[in-house]
Protein backbone atom coordinates (compact mmCIF):
# COMPACT_ATOMS: atom_id res chain seq x y z
CA MET A 1 -10.79 9.42 -22.60
CA GLU A 2 -12.26 9.56 -18.89
CA TYR A 3 -14.17 12.85 -18.16
CA LEU A 4 -14.56 13.92 -14.59
CA ASP A 5 -16.78 16.57 -12.96
CA VAL A 6 -14.71 19.41 -11.44
CA LEU A 7 -15.67 20.11 -7.79
CA ASP A 8 -15.22 22.74 -5.42
CA GLN A 9 -13.20 21.79 -2.09
CA ASN A 10 -16.46 20.86 -0.47
CA GLY A 11 -17.34 18.29 -3.10
CA ASN A 12 -19.97 20.33 -4.97
CA LYS A 13 -20.06 20.21 -8.77
CA THR A 14 -19.13 23.36 -10.41
CA GLY A 15 -20.78 22.53 -13.66
CA ILE A 16 -17.38 22.11 -15.50
CA VAL A 17 -16.51 18.76 -17.03
CA LYS A 18 -12.80 17.93 -17.99
CA ASP A 19 -10.92 14.95 -19.22
CA LYS A 20 -8.81 13.33 -16.44
CA LYS A 21 -5.52 14.68 -17.73
CA GLN A 22 -6.68 18.27 -17.71
CA VAL A 23 -8.07 17.85 -14.33
CA TYR A 24 -4.67 16.48 -13.05
CA ASN A 25 -2.76 19.34 -15.07
CA ASP A 26 -4.96 21.96 -13.59
CA GLY A 27 -5.13 20.73 -9.99
CA ASP A 28 -8.95 20.69 -9.98
CA TRP A 29 -10.84 19.03 -7.17
CA HIS A 30 -12.48 15.75 -8.29
CA ARG A 31 -13.95 12.62 -6.68
CA SER A 32 -12.63 9.24 -6.43
CA ILE A 33 -13.53 6.05 -4.59
CA HIS A 34 -11.41 3.80 -2.37
CA VAL A 35 -12.66 0.29 -1.30
CA TRP A 36 -10.84 -1.66 1.22
CA ILE A 37 -11.79 -5.35 0.82
CA MET A 38 -11.59 -7.41 4.12
CA ASN A 39 -12.16 -11.18 4.22
CA SER A 40 -13.37 -13.32 6.99
CA LYS A 41 -9.77 -13.78 8.37
CA ASN A 42 -9.59 -9.98 8.90
CA GLU A 43 -7.03 -9.65 6.10
CA ILE A 44 -7.14 -6.85 3.63
CA LEU A 45 -6.74 -7.13 0.03
CA VAL A 46 -3.92 -4.90 -1.58
CA GLN A 47 -3.22 -4.48 -5.18
CA LYS A 48 0.07 -3.92 -6.70
CA ARG A 49 -0.28 -0.92 -9.13
CA SER A 50 0.92 -1.40 -12.66
CA PRO A 51 4.45 0.16 -13.44
CA LYS A 52 2.60 2.02 -16.22
CA LYS A 53 0.51 3.90 -13.76
CA GLU A 54 0.88 7.72 -13.83
CA THR A 55 0.86 8.14 -10.21
CA LEU A 56 2.56 5.80 -7.66
CA PRO A 57 3.53 3.10 -10.08
CA ASN A 58 4.53 -0.50 -8.85
CA LEU A 59 3.52 -0.02 -5.25
CA TRP A 60 1.05 -2.08 -3.20
CA ALA A 61 -2.04 0.03 -2.73
CA ILE A 62 -5.82 -0.16 -1.78
CA SER A 63 -7.94 -2.85 -2.80
CA ILE A 64 -9.83 -1.03 -5.46
CA ALA A 65 -9.47 2.70 -6.44
CA GLY A 66 -10.74 4.85 -9.34
CA HIS A 67 -12.35 8.09 -10.39
CA VAL A 68 -15.92 8.85 -10.30
CA ARG A 69 -16.62 9.71 -13.88
CA SER A 70 -18.96 12.61 -14.91
CA GLY A 71 -22.54 11.69 -14.37
CA GLU A 72 -21.68 8.96 -12.06
CA ASN A 73 -22.05 8.54 -8.22
CA SER A 74 -19.50 7.01 -6.01
CA VAL A 75 -21.54 3.60 -5.77
CA GLU A 76 -21.86 3.32 -9.56
CA ALA A 77 -18.04 4.04 -9.87
CA ILE A 78 -17.29 1.29 -7.19
CA ILE A 79 -19.44 -1.33 -9.15
CA ARG A 80 -17.70 -0.37 -12.37
CA GLU A 81 -14.21 -0.43 -11.05
CA ALA A 82 -14.70 -3.66 -9.05
CA LYS A 83 -15.82 -5.33 -12.36
CA GLU A 84 -12.99 -3.66 -14.32
CA GLU A 85 -10.05 -4.23 -11.91
CA LEU A 86 -11.11 -7.56 -10.40
CA ASN A 87 -13.70 -8.96 -12.51
CA LEU A 88 -15.79 -8.75 -9.17
CA ASP A 89 -19.61 -8.28 -9.34
CA ILE A 90 -20.95 -6.31 -6.23
CA LYS A 91 -24.03 -4.69 -5.25
CA GLN A 92 -24.76 -1.37 -3.38
CA ASP A 93 -25.87 -3.40 -0.38
CA ASP A 94 -22.27 -5.09 -0.20
CA LEU A 95 -20.70 -1.74 0.64
CA ILE A 96 -20.14 -0.11 4.03
CA TYR A 97 -19.61 3.66 3.89
CA LEU A 98 -16.77 4.59 6.13
CA PHE A 99 -15.93 8.37 5.51
CA THR A 100 -15.08 10.93 2.97
CA ILE A 101 -11.76 12.78 3.04
CA ASN A 102 -9.91 15.52 0.97
CA ARG A 103 -6.49 14.53 -0.33
CA ILE A 104 -3.70 16.71 -1.71
CA GLN A 105 -1.28 14.28 -3.69
CA PRO A 106 1.99 15.22 -5.44
CA TYR A 107 1.78 15.09 -9.12
CA LYS A 108 4.75 15.97 -11.50
CA ASP A 109 5.82 19.43 -10.47
CA SER A 110 2.56 20.19 -8.73
CA HIS A 111 -0.22 18.30 -7.05
CA ILE A 112 -3.71 16.94 -7.47
CA ASN A 113 -6.80 17.62 -5.45
CA VAL A 114 -8.99 14.67 -4.78
CA ILE A 115 -12.15 13.89 -2.65
CA ASP A 116 -12.13 10.29 -1.60
CA ASP A 117 -15.11 8.35 -0.70
CA VAL A 118 -14.03 5.43 1.28
CA TYR A 119 -15.71 2.27 1.64
CA LEU A 120 -15.19 -1.27 3.20
CA LEU A 121 -16.35 -4.47 1.35
CA LYS A 122 -16.42 -7.64 3.32
CA TYR A 123 -15.67 -10.31 0.80
CA ASP A 124 -13.78 -13.47 0.43
CA LEU A 125 -12.04 -13.14 -2.85
CA ASP A 126 -10.69 -16.32 -4.39
CA LEU A 127 -7.15 -15.00 -5.33
CA ASP A 128 -6.57 -18.27 -7.52
CA ASN A 129 -9.52 -17.22 -9.77
CA VAL A 130 -9.27 -13.65 -9.81
CA LYS A 131 -8.95 -11.91 -13.20
CA LEU A 132 -6.94 -8.77 -13.10
CA GLN A 133 -7.15 -5.67 -15.25
CA ARG A 134 -3.37 -5.65 -16.08
CA SER A 135 -3.25 -2.08 -17.27
CA GLU A 136 -4.22 -0.95 -13.77
CA LEU A 137 -2.65 -3.64 -11.43
CA THR A 138 -0.18 -6.66 -11.57
CA ASP A 139 -0.87 -8.75 -8.58
CA VAL A 140 -3.26 -8.78 -5.49
CA LYS A 141 -2.80 -10.46 -2.09
CA TYR A 142 -4.25 -10.49 1.33
CA ILE A 143 -2.44 -9.00 4.40
CA TYR A 144 -3.68 -9.41 8.00
CA TYR A 145 -5.04 -6.01 8.84
CA LYS A 146 -2.62 -5.34 11.91
CA ASP A 147 0.30 -6.09 9.57
CA LEU A 148 -0.92 -3.91 6.88
CA GLU A 149 -1.39 -0.96 9.40
CA GLN A 150 2.35 -1.63 10.46
CA LYS A 151 3.46 -1.38 6.75
CA PHE A 152 1.87 2.03 6.66
CA ILE A 153 3.16 3.19 10.04
CA THR A 154 6.71 2.22 8.95
CA ASN A 155 6.46 3.71 5.64
CA ASP A 156 7.24 0.46 4.03
CA PRO A 157 8.78 1.54 0.49
CA ASN A 158 6.79 -1.19 -1.27
CA PHE A 159 3.66 0.47 -0.31
CA VAL A 160 1.93 3.86 -1.19
CA PRO A 161 2.89 6.57 1.25
CA LYS A 162 0.86 6.66 4.34
CA THR A 163 -1.93 9.20 4.31
CA GLU A 164 -4.69 10.49 6.70
CA GLU A 165 -7.02 7.95 5.01
CA GLN A 166 -5.01 5.02 6.40
CA ILE A 167 -4.91 6.49 9.88
CA LYS A 168 -8.61 6.93 9.88
CA LEU A 169 -9.30 3.41 8.29
CA PHE A 170 -7.32 1.65 11.01
CA LYS A 171 -9.18 3.48 13.65
CA GLU A 172 -12.56 2.60 12.06
CA ILE A 173 -12.05 -0.98 11.02
CA ASP A 174 -12.23 -2.58 14.38
CA LYS A 175 -15.93 -1.95 14.37
CA TYR A 176 -16.10 -4.24 11.35
CA LEU A 177 -13.94 -7.21 12.34
CA TYR A 178 -15.29 -10.77 11.96
């Protein structure tokens, strides 16, 4: 079971800890991490979410994503998720913090409230030797960043829906191109 800190809308801990399912059912604010991996060809790694995922199954999405567990900070969650999802060992110094954004995502007959800490990781991942966490994702691929931006702009049905995060990401990413 995964336990999360319940937050207020500003990201402050309330002192309440709940399991993820209860947080989702109650619509509590909680923190997650999003990491966009960009290689030296200015391509961004996307992952295909498992068909068994509770939210947005079987769609292409962000390079690494996950919840910040109770007692963790965002960087610790990123390091854990990178290892779990892609068997990737990274350090805090590898990460470039981009921004934090509040997100309201449809969930069943309601919605979930998430505060996403968004980071960039400049890394050339060897896709032929990557070991995937199959319960979370089924495939990964690189897409040139401008092509990926177009997929979000045109609401490509194979990708997660466009959010304010992607809009901000593509405004920020030019600063970090190789």
